[in-house]
Amino acid sequence: MHFEAAHKKDRVQAPALGLSCAEGAPARLAGEVRPADQPPRTVTLHERRLNGTEVHAAPILEHDDPDAPSLFTAKAMLHLARQYKGLVAGEVPATCVLDPDGDLERHLHACGELREDANWGCFHTRLAVRQGRGAEFGIIGRAVGAAFSVLLAEQLFASGCRFLISLSSAGQVVDLGRPPYFVAIDRALRDEGTSYHYLPPARFAEADGRLLNRVLPALTATGVPLHVGPSWTTDAPFRETEAKIAKRRAEGLLTVEMEAAGLYAFATAQRQAVLCLAQVTNRLNCAPGDFSKGAGEGAEAALQLISAAMGSWEEPGHFEATPVHPATLLGAE
């Protein structure tokens, strides 16, 4: 259906969506390509359809009932995936690790400490299980970004995982010393998209404070260089401009990574136990020495923290999400 143009002095309105375009530019069907010589339409933050249903200029801010179940579920997908692949249903280890860089997974594989979980039904990844010395845990490498991490988190918890640790590689925003070192993330700035599908808009996604307080003494006791504080989660690492970094630094954000906000939003919404650790490896300017994780690509330090967290975490039945404070809401100062 074509929009009925309402001519005004300077603009032509498309009342069905409340959008406007330059005078003389014809209204178009949804999805039509804008001619190169026609300026883009201006939009307001909130628009309304003719039937009164609210839509947004930014679709990611359109929220369903947070308690409404998803039609597409990880459990149903995995059930069909196993049927298609001829796999036997089984549970993954109680603790699983997401390893975005894949360095820890490669180290364990080289040491002969991994076996593949042949019944992991995920279409996109392989799940390996650490065996031999130390406690058993599942690990998935190269799980980069909030969207992919949460996609895997959904499937892991649907398959028997009860505690998920994310081990992100991160950039230094606030100078806490020379990298590498770790940050236990207590809240993450939601400068990504996935978190908005699990929680209403707010500035931060919060860690489960009770879980974090439970594991921090054990993490600290390892002697691995560790700080605790907020992080900046982004979907676009190559858009970390000087001005944006300065703003995040002034806000007190210690690191920048790509997973924590989405995972913490998922954890809060689904009442699951998730801990996000960031290994700070660079100062964002690609100087010599950046991205080094130290001896063994930081594998031994990471294993110490994983083992400490596994030995001290609390079952998710006692989950107590940290409340979102009013000052963290979007638009609040």
Protein backbone atom coordinates (compact mmCIF):
# COMPACT_ATOMS: atom_id res chain seq x y z
CA MET A 1 0.00 0.00 0.00
CA HIS A 2 1.33 3.42 -0.96
CA PHE A 3 1.43 6.10 1.69
CA GLU A 4 -0.89 9.03 1.12
CA ALA A 5 1.31 12.12 0.95
CA ALA A 6 0.26 15.10 3.06
CA HIS A 7 1.91 18.17 1.55
CA LYS A 8 3.26 20.81 3.89
CA LYS A 9 5.41 23.86 3.36
CA ASP A 10 8.81 22.17 3.59
CA ARG A 11 8.18 18.46 3.92
CA VAL A 12 6.06 15.61 2.71
CA GLN A 13 4.70 13.47 5.56
CA ALA A 14 4.07 9.74 5.43
CA PRO A 15 1.41 9.60 8.17
CA ALA A 16 1.25 5.82 8.41
CA LEU A 17 4.64 5.79 10.11
CA GLY A 18 5.14 9.43 11.01
CA LEU A 19 8.23 9.62 8.80
CA SER A 20 9.18 12.63 6.70
CA CYS A 21 11.24 13.25 3.59
CA ALA A 22 12.32 16.24 1.54
CA GLU A 23 9.74 18.24 -0.43
CA GLY A 24 9.03 16.79 -3.82
CA ALA A 25 10.34 13.34 -2.97
CA PRO A 26 7.63 10.75 -3.60
CA ALA A 27 6.50 8.49 -0.80
CA ARG A 28 7.67 4.92 -1.32
CA LEU A 29 6.70 1.41 -0.44
CA ALA A 30 8.40 -0.10 2.59
CA GLY A 31 11.67 -1.63 1.49
CA GLU A 32 12.06 0.53 -1.63
CA VAL A 33 15.56 1.81 -2.25
CA ARG A 34 16.04 5.57 -1.76
CA PRO A 35 17.36 7.32 -4.89
CA ALA A 36 20.94 8.54 -4.54
CA ASP A 37 19.96 12.19 -5.03
CA GLN A 38 17.23 12.10 -2.38
CA PRO A 39 18.20 13.04 1.20
CA PRO A 40 17.42 10.53 3.96
CA ARG A 41 14.18 10.87 5.83
CA THR A 42 14.27 12.37 9.29
CA VAL A 43 12.73 10.36 12.10
CA THR A 44 11.94 10.94 15.71
CA LEU A 45 12.86 8.54 18.51
CA HIS A 46 9.25 7.46 18.99
CA GLU A 47 6.90 6.97 16.03
CA ARG A 48 3.35 5.67 15.92
CA ARG A 49 1.43 3.69 13.36
CA LEU A 50 -2.07 4.79 12.40
CA ASN A 51 -3.54 2.08 14.63
CA GLY A 52 -1.74 3.55 17.65
CA THR A 53 0.80 0.77 18.09
CA GLU A 54 4.08 2.29 19.15
CA VAL A 55 7.18 1.67 17.12
CA HIS A 56 10.66 3.11 17.53
CA ALA A 57 13.15 4.63 15.18
CA ALA A 58 15.54 2.15 16.81
CA PRO A 59 13.77 -1.25 16.58
CA ILE A 60 16.01 -2.73 19.28
CA LEU A 61 14.07 -0.63 21.82
CA GLU A 62 10.78 -2.36 21.01
CA HIS A 63 10.25 -4.80 23.87
CA ASP A 64 7.95 -7.73 24.30
CA ASP A 65 6.63 -8.87 27.64
CA PRO A 66 9.84 -10.03 29.38
CA ASP A 67 7.96 -13.00 30.83
CA ALA A 68 6.57 -14.12 27.47
CA PRO A 69 8.14 -17.42 26.36
CA SER A 70 10.09 -17.59 23.11
CA LEU A 71 8.53 -19.63 20.33
CA PHE A 72 12.01 -20.73 19.20
CA THR A 73 13.87 -22.43 22.05
CA ALA A 74 17.33 -23.93 22.48
CA LYS A 75 15.91 -27.12 23.96
CA ALA A 76 13.63 -27.77 20.98
CA MET A 77 16.36 -26.96 18.47
CA LEU A 78 18.88 -29.27 20.16
CA HIS A 79 16.31 -32.07 20.24
CA LEU A 80 15.83 -31.85 16.48
CA ALA A 81 19.56 -31.37 15.86
CA ARG A 82 20.33 -34.62 17.67
CA GLN A 83 17.68 -36.40 15.64
CA TYR A 84 19.13 -35.12 12.37
CA LYS A 85 22.69 -35.99 13.39
CA GLY A 86 21.88 -39.32 15.02
CA LEU A 87 23.21 -38.19 18.40
CA VAL A 88 22.30 -39.50 21.83
CA ALA A 89 20.85 -37.04 24.33
CA GLY A 90 23.18 -36.33 27.22
CA GLU A 91 24.24 -33.62 29.63
CA VAL A 92 27.25 -31.36 29.30
CA PRO A 93 29.54 -30.81 32.31
CA ALA A 94 28.08 -28.76 35.18
CA THR A 95 30.66 -26.03 34.54
CA CYS A 96 31.39 -24.78 31.04
CA VAL A 97 33.78 -22.13 29.72
CA LEU A 98 33.47 -19.83 26.72
CA ASP A 99 36.92 -19.03 25.34
CA PRO A 100 36.55 -16.31 22.64
CA ASP A 101 40.20 -16.31 21.56
CA GLY A 102 40.47 -20.09 21.67
CA ASP A 103 43.91 -19.92 23.32
CA LEU A 104 42.96 -21.97 26.36
CA GLU A 105 41.23 -24.57 24.22
CA ARG A 106 44.31 -24.87 21.98
CA HIS A 107 46.59 -25.19 25.01
CA LEU A 108 44.52 -27.97 26.56
CA HIS A 109 44.28 -29.76 23.24
CA ALA A 110 48.06 -29.59 22.78
CA CYS A 111 48.48 -31.05 26.28
CA GLY A 112 46.17 -33.94 25.48
CA GLU A 113 43.66 -32.89 28.12
CA LEU A 114 40.57 -32.55 25.92
CA ARG A 115 38.11 -35.03 24.52
CA GLU A 116 35.32 -34.02 22.18
CA ASP A 117 31.74 -34.33 23.39
CA ALA A 118 30.40 -36.35 20.48
CA ASN A 119 26.76 -35.73 21.48
CA TRP A 120 26.89 -31.92 21.57
CA GLY A 121 24.07 -31.01 19.19
CA CYS A 122 24.94 -27.38 18.43
CA PHE A 123 25.03 -26.62 14.70
CA HIS A 124 27.84 -24.05 15.02
CA THR A 125 30.44 -25.31 17.48
CA ARG A 126 32.27 -28.23 19.01
CA LEU A 127 32.25 -28.79 22.75
CA ALA A 128 35.36 -30.30 24.31
CA VAL A 129 35.62 -31.65 27.85
CA ARG A 130 38.73 -31.10 29.95
CA GLN A 131 39.86 -34.34 31.55
CA GLY A 132 42.94 -35.51 33.42
CA ARG A 133 44.51 -33.15 35.94
CA GLY A 134 42.14 -30.72 37.61
CA ALA A 135 38.38 -30.52 37.65
CA GLU A 136 36.31 -31.44 34.60
CA PHE A 137 34.67 -28.66 32.60
CA GLY A 138 33.35 -28.14 29.10
CA ILE A 139 34.93 -25.56 26.82
CA ILE A 140 33.94 -23.93 23.54
CA GLY A 141 36.53 -21.86 21.70
CA ARG A 142 36.13 -18.83 19.44
CA ALA A 143 32.77 -17.77 20.87
CA VAL A 144 33.21 -14.09 19.99
CA GLY A 145 30.64 -11.39 20.70
CA ALA A 146 27.55 -11.12 22.86
CA ALA A 147 25.14 -12.57 20.31
CA PHE A 148 27.17 -15.72 19.71
CA SER A 149 28.03 -16.14 23.39
CA VAL A 150 24.39 -15.94 24.46
CA LEU A 151 23.34 -18.27 21.64
CA LEU A 152 25.74 -20.83 23.12
CA ALA A 153 24.79 -20.04 26.72
CA GLU A 154 21.15 -20.82 25.93
CA GLN A 155 22.14 -24.20 24.50
CA LEU A 156 24.59 -25.05 27.27
CA PHE A 157 22.09 -24.40 30.07
CA ALA A 158 19.44 -26.34 28.12
CA SER A 159 21.92 -29.24 28.08
CA GLY A 160 22.73 -29.46 31.79
CA CYS A 161 25.27 -26.68 32.38
CA ARG A 162 24.77 -25.02 35.78
CA PHE A 163 27.69 -22.56 35.88
CA LEU A 164 29.12 -20.70 32.88
CA ILE A 165 32.42 -18.80 32.87
CA SER A 166 33.25 -16.42 30.03
CA LEU A 167 36.94 -15.69 29.54
CA SER A 168 37.04 -12.62 27.30
CA SER A 169 40.07 -10.97 25.80
CA ALA A 170 39.82 -7.25 26.59
CA GLY A 171 41.38 -3.86 25.96
CA GLN A 172 42.55 -1.52 28.69
CA VAL A 173 40.40 1.58 29.21
CA VAL A 174 41.53 2.67 32.68
CA ASP A 175 45.25 2.17 33.27
CA LEU A 176 45.60 -0.37 36.07
CA GLY A 177 49.13 -1.35 35.14
CA ARG A 178 50.85 -3.15 32.34
CA PRO A 179 48.86 -5.97 30.71
CA PRO A 180 48.23 -8.81 30.95
CA TYR A 181 45.95 -8.97 33.99
CA PHE A 182 42.37 -10.04 34.69
CA VAL A 183 39.19 -8.16 35.61
CA ALA A 184 36.21 -9.82 37.29
CA ILE A 185 33.38 -7.84 35.70
CA ASP A 186 30.73 -6.68 38.18
CA ARG A 187 28.60 -4.85 35.61
CA ALA A 188 28.83 -4.21 31.87
CA LEU A 189 27.85 -1.17 29.83
CA ARG A 190 25.24 -2.27 27.31
CA ASP A 191 26.78 -0.85 24.14
CA GLU A 192 25.71 -3.94 22.19
CA GLY A 193 22.43 -5.40 21.01
CA THR A 194 21.80 -8.79 22.58
CA SER A 195 21.10 -7.59 26.12
CA TYR A 196 18.07 -5.60 24.95
CA HIS A 197 16.31 -8.80 23.95
CA TYR A 198 16.53 -10.08 27.55
CA LEU A 199 16.10 -6.99 29.74
CA PRO A 200 14.43 -3.58 29.36
CA PRO A 201 16.72 -0.68 28.43
CA ALA A 202 19.20 0.30 31.13
CA ARG A 203 22.75 1.52 31.04
CA PHE A 204 24.33 -1.56 32.64
CA ALA A 205 23.80 -5.29 32.88
CA GLU A 206 24.70 -6.37 36.40
CA ALA A 207 26.51 -9.45 37.58
CA ASP A 208 24.83 -11.59 40.22
CA GLY A 209 26.30 -9.89 43.29
CA ARG A 210 25.84 -12.92 45.50
CA LEU A 211 27.66 -15.20 43.08
CA LEU A 212 30.46 -12.69 42.57
CA ASN A 213 30.98 -12.21 46.31
CA ARG A 214 31.05 -15.96 46.72
CA VAL A 215 33.85 -16.58 44.21
CA LEU A 216 35.98 -13.43 44.66
CA PRO A 217 37.91 -14.58 47.76
CA ALA A 218 38.92 -17.78 45.95
CA LEU A 219 39.88 -15.88 42.80
CA THR A 220 41.99 -13.45 44.80
CA ALA A 221 43.69 -16.26 46.70
CA THR A 222 45.15 -17.65 43.46
CA GLY A 223 47.61 -14.77 43.30
CA VAL A 224 46.75 -14.15 39.65
CA PRO A 225 46.70 -10.36 38.99
CA LEU A 226 43.01 -9.53 39.30
CA HIS A 227 40.85 -6.41 39.59
CA VAL A 228 37.11 -6.06 40.07
CA GLY A 229 34.99 -3.47 38.30
CA PRO A 230 32.81 -2.42 35.38
CA SER A 231 33.44 -3.08 31.71
CA TRP A 232 32.30 -1.67 28.39
CA THR A 233 30.73 -4.25 26.06
CA THR A 234 30.73 -3.29 22.40
CA ASP A 235 29.67 -4.93 19.16
CA ALA A 236 32.09 -2.85 17.10
CA PRO A 237 35.70 -2.93 18.33
CA PHE A 238 36.96 -1.10 15.25
CA ARG A 239 34.70 1.87 16.12
CA GLU A 240 36.41 2.55 19.45
CA THR A 241 37.22 6.18 18.72
CA GLU A 242 39.48 8.38 20.82
CA ALA A 243 36.52 10.45 21.99
CA LYS A 244 34.47 7.37 22.90
CA ILE A 245 37.34 5.80 24.81
CA ALA A 246 37.88 9.04 26.74
CA LYS A 247 34.20 9.12 27.64
CA ARG A 248 34.23 5.53 28.86
CA ARG A 249 37.41 6.17 30.84
CA ALA A 250 35.80 9.18 32.54
CA GLU A 251 32.90 6.89 33.43
CA GLY A 252 35.32 4.58 35.23
CA LEU A 253 34.98 1.59 32.94
CA LEU A 254 38.07 -0.56 33.32
CA THR A 255 38.03 -2.59 30.12
CA VAL A 256 36.34 -3.03 26.77
CA GLU A 257 35.24 -6.45 25.54
CA MET A 258 32.46 -7.99 23.46
CA GLU A 259 30.50 -10.46 25.60
CA ALA A 260 29.73 -9.50 29.21
CA ALA A 261 26.63 -7.30 28.84
CA GLY A 262 24.78 -9.86 26.77
CA LEU A 263 25.73 -12.73 29.07
CA TYR A 264 24.81 -10.87 32.26
CA ALA A 265 21.46 -9.80 30.80
CA PHE A 266 20.76 -13.41 29.81
CA ALA A 267 21.82 -14.61 33.27
CA THR A 268 19.53 -12.14 35.03
CA ALA A 269 16.54 -12.84 32.80
CA GLN A 270 16.96 -16.63 32.88
CA ARG A 271 18.22 -16.81 36.48
CA GLN A 272 21.40 -18.67 35.57
CA ALA A 273 24.88 -18.58 37.09
CA VAL A 274 27.31 -16.70 34.82
CA LEU A 275 30.70 -15.19 35.66
CA CYS A 276 32.48 -12.93 33.18
CA LEU A 277 36.26 -12.60 33.45
CA ALA A 278 38.20 -10.31 31.13
CA GLN A 279 41.86 -10.84 30.40
CA VAL A 280 43.26 -7.40 29.58
CA THR A 281 45.90 -7.89 26.90
CA ASN A 282 46.22 -4.57 25.08
CA ARG A 283 46.03 -0.78 25.41
CA LEU A 284 43.86 -0.25 22.30
CA ASN A 285 46.60 1.33 20.20
CA CYS A 286 48.27 -1.83 18.88
CA ALA A 287 51.63 -0.91 20.38
CA PRO A 288 54.49 -3.44 20.43
CA GLY A 289 53.77 -6.09 23.03
CA ASP A 290 49.99 -5.67 22.85
CA PHE A 291 47.87 -8.84 22.81
CA SER A 292 50.47 -10.92 24.62
CA LYS A 293 48.93 -13.02 27.37
CA GLY A 294 52.23 -14.01 28.88
CA ALA A 295 53.63 -17.51 29.33
CA GLY A 296 51.59 -20.23 27.67
CA GLU A 297 49.20 -17.62 26.24
CA GLY A 298 47.90 -17.11 29.78
CA ALA A 299 46.52 -20.63 29.98
CA GLU A 300 47.87 -21.51 33.43
CA ALA A 301 46.58 -18.26 34.95
CA ALA A 302 43.18 -18.83 33.36
CA LEU A 303 43.06 -22.39 34.65
CA GLN A 304 43.84 -21.23 38.18
CA LEU A 305 40.91 -18.78 38.08
CA ILE A 306 38.54 -21.32 36.54
CA SER A 307 39.45 -23.91 39.16
CA ALA A 308 39.00 -21.39 41.99
CA ALA A 309 35.61 -20.29 40.68
CA MET A 310 34.44 -23.88 40.24
CA GLY A 311 35.37 -24.66 43.82
CA SER A 312 33.41 -21.78 45.30
CA TRP A 313 30.36 -21.02 43.17
CA GLU A 314 26.84 -21.28 44.52
CA GLU A 315 24.11 -23.32 42.88
CA PRO A 316 21.81 -21.15 40.72
CA GLY A 317 18.81 -22.17 42.79
CA HIS A 318 20.03 -19.51 45.20
CA PHE A 319 20.42 -16.92 42.44
CA GLU A 320 19.97 -13.37 43.63
CA ALA A 321 20.32 -10.85 40.82
CA THR A 322 21.75 -7.46 41.66
CA PRO A 323 18.93 -4.92 41.23
CA VAL A 324 19.23 -2.26 38.53
CA HIS A 325 19.57 1.06 40.30
CA PRO A 326 17.50 4.00 38.96
CA ALA A 327 20.69 5.94 38.20
CA THR A 328 21.68 3.32 35.63
CA LEU A 329 18.55 3.75 33.52
CA LEU A 330 18.95 5.13 30.03
CA GLY A 331 18.78 8.88 30.00
CA ALA A 332 19.64 9.24 33.69
CA GLU A 333 22.61 11.35 34.66
